[in-house]
Amino acid sequence: MQKISFLLLIMAGWLFPQPFSLFSKDNFHNAAFSYSKVDLYREESIKHSFSIDGYELRGKYNYEWGKNVLNISTGRMDLRLSSGNLTSGLDININKINDYFSFDFLRKERFFDLSGSAELIKNEERFYFNYGLNFNLNFFSSKQLTVGFGISNSELPITFHANYLEEKFRITGGFRNRSMQAKLNYAPDANSGFKFEYMRFLPLESDSREGFYMKESPKFEVWLSSFTSKQKEILLKGDFFHFKGDYYADFYNGGQTFGYFKAPEIKGAGVKLNISSSLMKKSQTDLTLLYLFAKGNAVGNIQSWPFLSIVQSVIANRLNYRFSFSGKILGLKLMHLKNWKSFTFIPTIFYFDIQPNFSLQTWQPSYLAIGVKEFYSNELRISRAGVILLSLKGNYRLADFIFFADFNQFIPLYEKSREFPSKPPVTGEPEEKAAITTGGGRWFSIGISKNF
């Protein structure tokens, strides 16, 4: 249950800020250093193991002079998904280990704003460079109407390691895309405003590489809109988004393809409503309602020739697969911020009702590709689940220093399962029920910052 639940919950990062970013991004001026640790999920039995964990070290510096703002960040991010299966002899590790250096700048003028970003990433021995540029036109000195345009190129590198039947292989690649952005902001007065934004993600050509690599072709469109309205000490905000697109990737070894992945339909939508009150002195209370929906399907295959011997490749020539997924999330968030002397406390509780669907079929072609053999079909048994997330953030000010920390923990509440026809037992083979232990569902961050 937890694996599917956590993947769907992370999708809520489209609308919810921390803690769904997993790593803390508190923006304390002017210099800050932080450490974050993620233990998202662990599952283990005598037959298999599965885990998602990671950490981040991050340092940043913010500098302002006149109408200019400069932010510099550097650090290391290490995210890892590991899966092992003693029955099939397959072990998989997906790593995202990045050393990065980035800077963002902003230039503010009366009738326009110019901002940009640049990032240098090192993944193993290869370097990646990402950049973006945004330009906003303010048609009134009070910035009642703003029209903006932006463009960016980015690549997020990832490394895929696997062991199968005592053979080892590695695939290095990245999610490469070029995004274009257009936005319109309108504020009729100081207490209300509307925002509209459109983003389109287009593929970038991948460089030729030795060994294992992949070439991707993502195409996505995202529509975002929001409004704000303030009456006295009550602030009402609403956010809406919709996305759709497709994704295609070819897998290569030494310039020759050995498989592909094609997702012709990926789409989703969401809405978030938030009401915030600061009626009490030195405190603020937020109530948020969230609804999120997503669905998609994919097909593909992987050929065994790059990884196995000639004899093994004849026996297990190609694995075909197809799957579909969908999910709905209804969420509720209650947050309270309280200032007391030099301390700030922000306890938060999230509740999620999750309705996931997932099905996967795999098969191999028979000899000479006539017919099908070893066909397997799997469906997610969990039809509904409830999860609580407890989050506690806080900071302490000491002169020009700020010490900050946050801790987050998932708590499963309930789950409902689908009914599937039971398979008759095989004569002479006793039924095996392997004990499974699970853990994780938590992350934390600590850090220190200083004002100059």
Protein backbone atom coordinates (compact mmCIF):
# COMPACT_ATOMS: atom_id res chain seq x y z
CA MET A 1 0.00 0.00 0.00
CA GLN A 2 2.66 2.49 1.02
CA LYS A 3 4.62 2.41 -2.26
CA ILE A 4 1.64 3.47 -4.36
CA SER A 5 0.38 5.88 -1.70
CA PHE A 6 3.70 7.70 -1.41
CA LEU A 7 4.08 8.04 -5.19
CA LEU A 8 0.63 9.59 -5.42
CA LEU A 9 1.30 11.85 -2.45
CA ILE A 10 4.47 13.20 -4.03
CA MET A 11 2.34 14.25 -7.01
CA ALA A 12 0.60 16.63 -4.64
CA GLY A 13 3.79 18.72 -4.75
CA TRP A 14 2.20 20.45 -7.77
CA LEU A 15 -0.03 22.28 -5.32
CA PHE A 16 1.33 21.86 -1.81
CA PRO A 17 4.64 23.46 -0.77
CA GLN A 18 6.83 21.89 1.88
CA PRO A 19 6.87 19.19 3.08
CA PHE A 20 6.16 17.60 -0.32
CA SER A 21 9.37 18.95 -1.77
CA LEU A 22 11.00 16.50 0.69
CA PHE A 23 14.04 18.74 1.02
CA SER A 24 13.66 21.99 2.95
CA LYS A 25 13.81 25.24 0.95
CA ASP A 26 13.36 27.79 3.74
CA ASN A 27 14.40 31.18 2.39
CA PHE A 28 16.19 32.81 5.32
CA HIS A 29 18.42 35.77 4.48
CA ASN A 30 21.25 36.09 3.79
CA ALA A 31 23.39 32.95 4.11
CA ALA A 32 22.16 29.48 5.10
CA PHE A 33 23.36 25.89 5.36
CA SER A 34 21.06 22.87 5.77
CA TYR A 35 21.03 19.07 5.85
CA SER A 36 17.98 16.98 4.92
CA LYS A 37 17.44 13.23 5.26
CA VAL A 38 14.65 11.18 3.62
CA ASP A 39 13.60 7.67 4.67
CA LEU A 40 10.48 7.46 2.55
CA TYR A 41 9.78 3.73 2.44
CA ARG A 42 11.39 0.37 3.32
CA GLU A 43 10.02 -3.12 2.69
CA GLU A 44 11.80 -6.41 3.24
CA SER A 45 11.08 -10.15 3.27
CA ILE A 46 13.10 -13.33 2.74
CA LYS A 47 12.36 -13.03 -1.01
CA HIS A 48 12.58 -9.35 -1.86
CA SER A 49 13.51 -5.87 -0.65
CA PHE A 50 12.48 -2.34 -1.67
CA SER A 51 13.52 1.10 -0.41
CA ILE A 52 13.37 4.81 -1.29
CA ASP A 53 15.72 7.12 0.61
CA GLY A 54 18.13 10.00 0.16
CA TYR A 55 19.73 13.12 1.57
CA GLU A 56 20.74 16.66 0.59
CA LEU A 57 23.46 19.05 1.75
CA ARG A 58 22.76 22.62 0.70
CA GLY A 59 24.36 26.01 1.14
CA LYS A 60 22.98 29.30 -0.18
CA TYR A 61 23.75 32.98 -0.19
CA ASN A 62 21.43 35.88 -0.99
CA TYR A 63 22.66 39.34 -1.89
CA GLU A 64 20.65 42.47 -2.69
CA TRP A 65 21.90 45.81 -3.95
CA GLY A 66 19.59 48.47 -5.28
CA LYS A 67 17.16 46.97 -7.75
CA ASN A 68 19.15 43.73 -8.10
CA VAL A 69 18.83 40.42 -6.28
CA LEU A 70 21.30 37.52 -6.56
CA ASN A 71 20.90 34.02 -5.09
CA ILE A 72 23.70 31.45 -5.12
CA SER A 73 23.24 27.79 -4.08
CA THR A 74 25.58 24.81 -3.98
CA GLY A 75 25.33 21.32 -2.55
CA ARG A 76 24.77 17.62 -3.16
CA MET A 77 21.53 15.69 -3.63
CA ASP A 78 21.41 11.88 -3.41
CA LEU A 79 18.10 10.09 -4.10
CA ARG A 80 18.00 6.31 -4.43
CA LEU A 81 15.41 3.67 -5.29
CA SER A 82 16.58 0.09 -4.64
CA SER A 83 14.76 -3.16 -5.41
CA GLY A 84 15.98 -6.75 -5.04
CA ASN A 85 14.28 -10.07 -5.81
CA LEU A 86 15.92 -13.37 -4.88
CA THR A 87 13.37 -15.39 -6.88
CA SER A 88 14.07 -13.73 -10.23
CA GLY A 89 17.71 -12.85 -9.55
CA LEU A 90 17.08 -9.21 -10.49
CA ASP A 91 18.49 -6.29 -8.47
CA ILE A 92 17.76 -2.68 -9.48
CA ASN A 93 19.18 0.61 -8.25
CA ILE A 94 18.08 3.98 -9.62
CA ASN A 95 20.35 6.80 -8.47
CA LYS A 96 20.13 10.55 -8.70
CA ILE A 97 23.43 11.72 -7.20
CA ASN A 98 24.08 15.32 -8.18
CA ASP A 99 26.65 17.88 -7.13
CA TYR A 100 25.25 21.23 -8.18
CA PHE A 101 26.01 24.94 -8.32
CA SER A 102 23.33 27.45 -9.31
CA PHE A 103 22.58 31.13 -9.25
CA ASP A 104 19.44 33.19 -9.87
CA PHE A 105 19.23 36.90 -10.51
CA LEU A 106 16.43 39.47 -10.62
CA ARG A 107 16.46 43.03 -11.91
CA LYS A 108 13.46 45.19 -10.97
CA GLU A 109 12.46 48.28 -12.90
CA ARG A 110 9.33 50.38 -12.93
CA PHE A 111 7.92 48.95 -16.16
CA PHE A 112 9.68 45.59 -16.40
CA ASP A 113 11.34 42.79 -14.43
CA LEU A 114 14.14 40.62 -15.81
CA SER A 115 15.11 37.37 -14.11
CA GLY A 116 17.25 34.40 -15.02
CA SER A 117 18.85 31.25 -13.66
CA ALA A 118 21.81 29.02 -14.43
CA GLU A 119 22.74 25.66 -12.94
CA LEU A 120 25.75 23.37 -13.33
CA ILE A 121 25.17 19.73 -12.32
CA LYS A 122 27.72 16.93 -12.02
CA ASN A 123 26.40 13.37 -12.21
CA GLU A 124 29.23 10.84 -11.81
CA GLU A 125 31.81 12.10 -14.34
CA ARG A 126 29.51 14.08 -16.64
CA PHE A 127 28.48 17.74 -16.38
CA TYR A 128 25.08 19.22 -17.29
CA PHE A 129 24.19 22.88 -17.75
CA ASN A 130 20.65 24.22 -17.29
CA TYR A 131 19.47 27.79 -17.78
CA GLY A 132 16.34 29.90 -17.94
CA LEU A 133 15.29 33.49 -18.69
CA ASN A 134 12.07 35.37 -17.83
CA PHE A 135 10.88 38.83 -18.85
CA ASN A 136 7.86 40.62 -17.33
CA LEU A 137 6.21 43.81 -18.61
CA ASN A 138 4.36 45.98 -16.07
CA PHE A 139 1.78 48.13 -17.81
CA PHE A 140 1.04 50.29 -14.76
CA SER A 141 3.40 51.68 -12.16
CA SER A 142 1.34 49.92 -9.51
CA LYS A 143 1.88 46.64 -11.41
CA GLN A 144 -1.87 46.10 -11.83
CA LEU A 145 -1.29 44.26 -15.11
CA THR A 146 1.80 42.15 -15.85
CA VAL A 147 2.55 40.07 -18.94
CA GLY A 148 5.48 37.68 -18.80
CA PHE A 149 7.40 35.37 -21.11
CA GLY A 150 10.09 32.81 -20.35
CA ILE A 151 12.20 30.01 -21.81
CA SER A 152 14.48 27.40 -20.22
CA ASN A 153 16.60 24.37 -21.15
CA SER A 154 17.13 21.68 -18.54
CA GLU A 155 18.37 18.13 -18.04
CA LEU A 156 17.97 16.17 -14.81
CA PRO A 157 20.49 13.29 -14.91
CA ILE A 158 19.75 9.83 -13.54
CA THR A 159 21.70 6.54 -13.40
CA PHE A 160 20.14 3.08 -13.59
CA HIS A 161 22.09 0.06 -12.26
CA ALA A 162 20.89 -3.55 -12.44
CA ASN A 163 22.17 -7.08 -11.82
CA TYR A 164 20.45 -9.96 -13.61
CA LEU A 165 21.64 -13.58 -13.63
CA GLU A 166 25.12 -12.48 -12.51
CA GLU A 167 25.33 -9.96 -15.36
CA LYS A 168 25.72 -6.22 -14.61
CA PHE A 169 24.67 -3.22 -16.67
CA ARG A 170 24.26 0.53 -16.25
CA ILE A 171 22.20 3.13 -18.09
CA THR A 172 22.93 6.83 -17.69
CA GLY A 173 20.53 9.42 -18.98
CA GLY A 174 18.54 12.48 -18.13
CA PHE A 175 15.15 14.04 -18.47
CA ARG A 176 15.93 16.62 -21.15
CA ASN A 177 13.43 19.27 -22.17
CA ARG A 178 12.97 22.85 -23.27
CA SER A 179 10.11 24.74 -21.65
CA MET A 180 8.31 27.87 -22.81
CA GLN A 181 6.17 29.93 -20.47
CA ALA A 182 3.62 32.72 -20.82
CA LYS A 183 1.76 34.37 -17.95
CA LEU A 184 -0.71 37.14 -17.19
CA ASN A 185 -1.19 38.72 -13.75
CA TYR A 186 -3.95 41.19 -12.96
CA ALA A 187 -4.47 42.95 -9.61
CA PRO A 188 -7.49 45.31 -9.63
CA ASP A 189 -6.60 46.47 -6.10
CA ALA A 190 -4.22 45.76 -3.25
CA ASN A 191 -6.49 43.04 -1.78
CA SER A 192 -7.20 40.86 -4.81
CA GLY A 193 -5.47 39.40 -7.84
CA PHE A 194 -5.65 36.84 -10.65
CA LYS A 195 -2.90 34.86 -12.34
CA PHE A 196 -2.89 32.78 -15.51
CA GLU A 197 0.06 30.74 -16.74
CA TYR A 198 0.77 28.36 -19.62
CA MET A 199 3.83 26.11 -19.93
CA ARG A 200 4.85 23.80 -22.73
CA PHE A 201 7.65 21.25 -22.41
CA LEU A 202 9.39 20.12 -25.61
CA PRO A 203 12.12 17.50 -26.13
CA LEU A 204 15.81 18.26 -26.59
CA GLU A 205 18.09 16.14 -28.76
CA SER A 206 20.40 13.95 -26.73
CA ASP A 207 24.15 13.72 -27.40
CA SER A 208 25.62 10.44 -28.63
CA ARG A 209 27.19 8.42 -25.83
CA GLU A 210 29.12 5.24 -25.34
CA GLY A 211 27.71 2.27 -23.47
CA PHE A 212 24.12 2.33 -22.22
CA TYR A 213 22.07 5.49 -22.61
CA MET A 214 18.57 6.63 -23.54
CA LYS A 215 17.04 9.26 -25.81
CA GLU A 216 13.82 10.87 -24.61
CA SER A 217 11.00 12.77 -26.25
CA PRO A 218 8.66 14.31 -23.67
CA LYS A 219 5.81 16.61 -24.77
CA PHE A 220 3.69 18.19 -22.04
CA GLU A 221 1.38 21.16 -21.66
CA VAL A 222 0.45 22.68 -18.29
CA TRP A 223 -2.23 25.29 -17.57
CA LEU A 224 -2.23 27.08 -14.20
CA SER A 225 -4.53 29.72 -12.74
CA SER A 226 -5.02 31.23 -9.30
CA PHE A 227 -6.80 33.99 -7.44
CA THR A 228 -6.40 35.80 -4.11
CA SER A 229 -8.88 37.86 -2.11
CA LYS A 230 -8.23 39.53 1.24
CA GLN A 231 -10.89 40.93 3.56
CA LYS A 232 -9.53 42.41 6.77
CA GLU A 233 -7.52 39.58 8.39
CA ILE A 234 -8.89 36.77 6.20
CA LEU A 235 -7.06 35.70 3.03
CA LEU A 236 -8.69 33.36 0.49
CA LYS A 237 -6.60 31.72 -2.24
CA GLY A 238 -7.40 29.26 -4.99
CA ASP A 239 -5.13 27.34 -7.38
CA PHE A 240 -6.13 25.26 -10.39
CA PHE A 241 -4.00 23.26 -12.82
CA HIS A 242 -4.37 20.86 -15.72
CA PHE A 243 -1.68 18.98 -17.65
CA LYS A 244 -1.56 16.50 -20.51
CA GLY A 245 1.08 15.06 -22.79
CA ASP A 246 2.99 12.01 -23.94
CA TYR A 247 6.44 10.53 -23.42
CA TYR A 248 8.72 8.33 -25.52
CA ALA A 249 12.19 6.93 -24.80
CA ASP A 250 14.56 4.62 -26.71
CA PHE A 251 17.21 2.57 -24.87
CA TYR A 252 20.62 2.19 -26.52
CA ASN A 253 23.80 0.18 -26.08
CA GLY A 254 26.77 1.24 -28.19
CA GLY A 255 24.50 3.09 -30.60
CA GLN A 256 22.09 0.13 -31.09
CA THR A 257 18.59 0.15 -29.66
CA PHE A 258 17.52 -2.66 -27.33
CA GLY A 259 14.13 -1.42 -26.13
CA TYR A 260 11.69 1.44 -25.80
CA PHE A 261 9.11 2.99 -23.50
CA LYS A 262 6.04 4.79 -24.85
CA ALA A 263 3.37 6.60 -22.81
CA PRO A 264 0.87 7.99 -25.35
CA GLU A 265 -1.41 9.50 -22.71
CA ILE A 266 -0.55 11.16 -19.42
CA LYS A 267 -2.94 13.71 -17.98
CA GLY A 268 -4.13 15.14 -14.71
CA ALA A 269 -5.90 18.00 -12.99
CA GLY A 270 -6.08 19.52 -9.54
CA VAL A 271 -7.56 22.25 -7.40
CA LYS A 272 -6.46 23.74 -4.08
CA LEU A 273 -8.47 26.13 -1.90
CA ASN A 274 -6.84 27.86 1.06
CA ILE A 275 -8.20 30.16 3.74
CA SER A 276 -5.78 31.93 6.07
CA SER A 277 -6.54 33.87 9.22
CA SER A 278 -4.28 36.11 11.33
CA LEU A 279 -6.92 37.37 13.75
CA MET A 280 -4.82 36.40 16.77
CA LYS A 281 -1.68 38.40 17.50
CA LYS A 282 1.63 36.77 16.45
CA SER A 283 -0.15 33.76 14.96
CA GLN A 284 -1.66 32.51 11.74
CA THR A 285 -3.99 29.59 10.96
CA ASP A 286 -4.35 28.00 7.50
CA LEU A 287 -6.96 25.54 6.26
CA THR A 288 -6.43 23.94 2.83
CA LEU A 289 -8.56 21.58 0.73
CA LEU A 290 -6.95 19.66 -2.15
CA TYR A 291 -8.23 17.46 -4.96
CA LEU A 292 -5.84 15.81 -7.44
CA PHE A 293 -6.41 13.39 -10.33
CA ALA A 294 -3.98 11.74 -12.76
CA LYS A 295 -4.05 8.86 -15.25
CA GLY A 296 -1.89 7.33 -17.96
CA ASN A 297 -0.85 4.19 -19.83
CA ALA A 298 2.33 2.89 -21.44
CA VAL A 299 3.80 0.05 -23.52
CA GLY A 300 7.32 -1.07 -24.35
CA ASN A 301 9.87 -3.86 -24.44
CA ILE A 302 13.44 -4.65 -23.44
CA GLN A 303 15.68 -7.03 -25.40
CA SER A 304 18.20 -9.11 -23.51
CA TRP A 305 21.13 -9.15 -25.95
CA PRO A 306 23.19 -6.39 -24.27
CA PHE A 307 23.10 -8.12 -20.89
CA LEU A 308 23.06 -11.89 -21.37
CA SER A 309 25.09 -14.50 -23.20
CA ILE A 310 24.05 -15.71 -26.67
CA VAL A 311 22.50 -18.88 -25.21
CA GLN A 312 20.58 -16.95 -22.54
CA SER A 313 19.36 -14.40 -25.11
CA VAL A 314 17.87 -17.15 -27.25
CA ILE A 315 15.96 -18.51 -24.25
CA ALA A 316 14.80 -15.07 -22.97
CA ASN A 317 14.96 -12.90 -26.06
CA ARG A 318 12.61 -10.02 -25.25
CA LEU A 319 10.31 -8.89 -22.46
CA ASN A 320 7.18 -6.97 -23.52
CA TYR A 321 5.16 -4.96 -21.05
CA ARG A 322 2.17 -2.65 -20.80
CA PHE A 323 0.58 -0.92 -17.85
CA SER A 324 -2.03 1.66 -16.94
CA PHE A 325 -2.52 3.75 -13.83
CA SER A 326 -4.87 6.31 -12.36
CA GLY A 327 -5.25 7.93 -8.98
CA LYS A 328 -7.39 10.36 -7.03
CA ILE A 329 -6.38 12.21 -3.90
CA LEU A 330 -8.62 14.21 -1.60
CA GLY A 331 -6.54 16.10 0.96
CA LEU A 332 -7.07 18.34 3.96
CA LYS A 333 -4.37 20.43 5.62
CA LEU A 334 -4.51 22.34 8.90
CA MET A 335 -1.53 24.53 9.83
CA HIS A 336 -0.95 26.92 12.71
CA LEU A 337 1.98 29.36 12.98
CA LYS A 338 2.83 30.76 16.40
CA ASN A 339 5.54 33.28 17.30
CA TRP A 340 6.73 33.35 20.93
CA LYS A 341 9.66 35.58 21.78
CA SER A 342 12.55 34.30 19.63
CA PHE A 343 10.79 31.04 18.70
CA THR A 344 8.50 30.23 15.78
CA PHE A 345 6.47 26.98 15.75
CA ILE A 346 4.55 25.64 12.74
CA PRO A 347 2.71 22.36 13.52
CA THR A 348 0.77 20.96 10.55
CA ILE A 349 -1.48 17.95 10.03
CA PHE A 350 -2.43 16.54 6.60
CA TYR A 351 -5.14 13.98 5.88
CA PHE A 352 -5.34 12.16 2.53
CA ASP A 353 -7.95 9.84 1.08
CA ILE A 354 -6.31 8.00 -1.84
CA GLN A 355 -7.96 5.89 -4.56
CA PRO A 356 -5.23 4.26 -6.72
CA ASN A 357 -5.53 1.95 -9.73
CA PHE A 358 -2.65 0.12 -11.39
CA SER A 359 -2.37 -2.88 -13.74
CA LEU A 360 0.71 -4.45 -15.36
CA GLN A 361 1.05 -7.21 -17.96
CA THR A 362 4.33 -8.76 -19.10
CA TRP A 363 5.05 -11.52 -21.61
CA GLN A 364 7.71 -12.96 -23.91
CA PRO A 365 7.36 -14.06 -27.54
CA SER A 366 7.52 -17.78 -28.20
CA TYR A 367 10.14 -19.39 -30.44
CA LEU A 368 10.48 -17.51 -33.75
CA ALA A 369 8.10 -14.86 -32.32
CA ILE A 370 5.08 -17.11 -32.98
CA GLY A 371 2.70 -16.91 -30.04
CA VAL A 372 3.16 -15.78 -26.45
CA LYS A 373 4.75 -17.40 -23.43
CA GLU A 374 5.14 -16.53 -19.74
CA PHE A 375 2.24 -14.07 -19.70
CA TYR A 376 1.70 -12.43 -16.31
CA SER A 377 -1.00 -9.98 -15.25
CA ASN A 378 -0.95 -8.03 -12.00
CA GLU A 379 -3.37 -5.50 -10.55
CA LEU A 380 -3.08 -3.35 -7.48
CA ARG A 381 -5.17 -4.84 -4.72
CA ILE A 382 -5.52 -1.63 -2.76
CA SER A 383 -8.63 0.28 -3.86
CA ARG A 384 -8.65 2.98 -1.18
CA ALA A 385 -6.38 4.14 1.63
CA GLY A 386 -6.23 6.83 4.27
CA VAL A 387 -3.01 8.47 5.42
CA ILE A 388 -2.14 11.16 7.96
CA LEU A 389 1.04 13.22 7.68
CA LEU A 390 2.29 15.03 10.77
CA SER A 391 4.73 17.89 10.23
CA LEU A 392 6.48 20.11 12.76
CA LYS A 393 8.63 23.04 11.70
CA GLY A 394 10.25 25.73 13.76
CA ASN A 395 13.11 28.17 14.11
CA TYR A 396 14.95 30.07 16.83
CA ARG A 397 16.53 33.50 16.40
CA LEU A 398 19.74 34.32 18.25
CA ALA A 399 21.12 37.73 17.35
CA ASP A 400 21.78 37.56 13.59
CA PHE A 401 21.56 33.76 13.49
CA ILE A 402 18.50 31.58 12.82
CA PHE A 403 18.44 27.87 13.72
CA PHE A 404 15.68 25.97 11.91
CA ALA A 405 14.40 22.38 11.69
CA ASP A 406 11.43 20.35 10.51
CA PHE A 407 10.26 16.75 10.98
CA ASN A 408 7.61 14.86 8.97
CA GLN A 409 6.00 11.44 9.54
CA PHE A 410 3.38 9.42 7.63
CA ILE A 411 0.80 7.43 9.62
CA PRO A 412 -1.40 4.91 7.67
CA LEU A 413 -5.03 4.89 8.88
CA TYR A 414 -6.97 2.38 6.79
CA GLU A 415 -7.02 0.53 3.50
CA LYS A 416 -9.59 -1.30 1.37
CA SER A 417 -8.72 -4.12 -1.02
CA ARG A 418 -10.25 -5.31 -4.26
CA GLU A 419 -11.55 -8.86 -4.55
CA PHE A 420 -9.82 -11.02 -7.16
CA PRO A 421 -10.59 -14.64 -8.08
CA SER A 422 -8.30 -16.90 -6.10
CA LYS A 423 -5.92 -19.16 -8.00
CA PRO A 424 -6.20 -22.90 -7.26
CA PRO A 425 -3.18 -24.24 -5.38
CA VAL A 426 -0.68 -26.39 -7.26
CA THR A 427 -0.87 -30.02 -6.23
CA GLY A 428 1.97 -31.03 -3.99
CA GLU A 429 3.27 -27.49 -3.42
CA PRO A 430 2.50 -25.91 -0.02
CA GLU A 431 1.37 -22.30 0.01
CA GLU A 432 4.13 -19.91 1.09
CA LYS A 433 3.38 -16.75 3.00
CA ALA A 434 6.52 -14.69 3.43
CA ALA A 435 6.56 -12.27 6.36
CA ILE A 436 7.01 -8.68 5.18
CA THR A 437 8.36 -5.88 7.37
CA THR A 438 7.88 -2.24 6.41
CA GLY A 439 9.18 1.07 7.70
CA GLY A 440 10.09 4.63 6.79
CA GLY A 441 7.63 7.34 5.86
CA ARG A 442 9.63 10.15 7.46
CA TRP A 443 12.09 12.93 6.64
CA PHE A 444 13.69 15.82 8.48
CA SER A 445 15.82 18.91 7.87
CA ILE A 446 18.09 21.00 10.11
CA GLY A 447 20.03 24.13 9.32
CA ILE A 448 21.44 27.49 10.31
CA SER A 449 21.33 30.89 8.62
CA LYS A 450 22.77 34.34 9.28
CA ASN A 451 21.63 37.83 8.37
CA PHE A 452 24.23 40.42 7.32
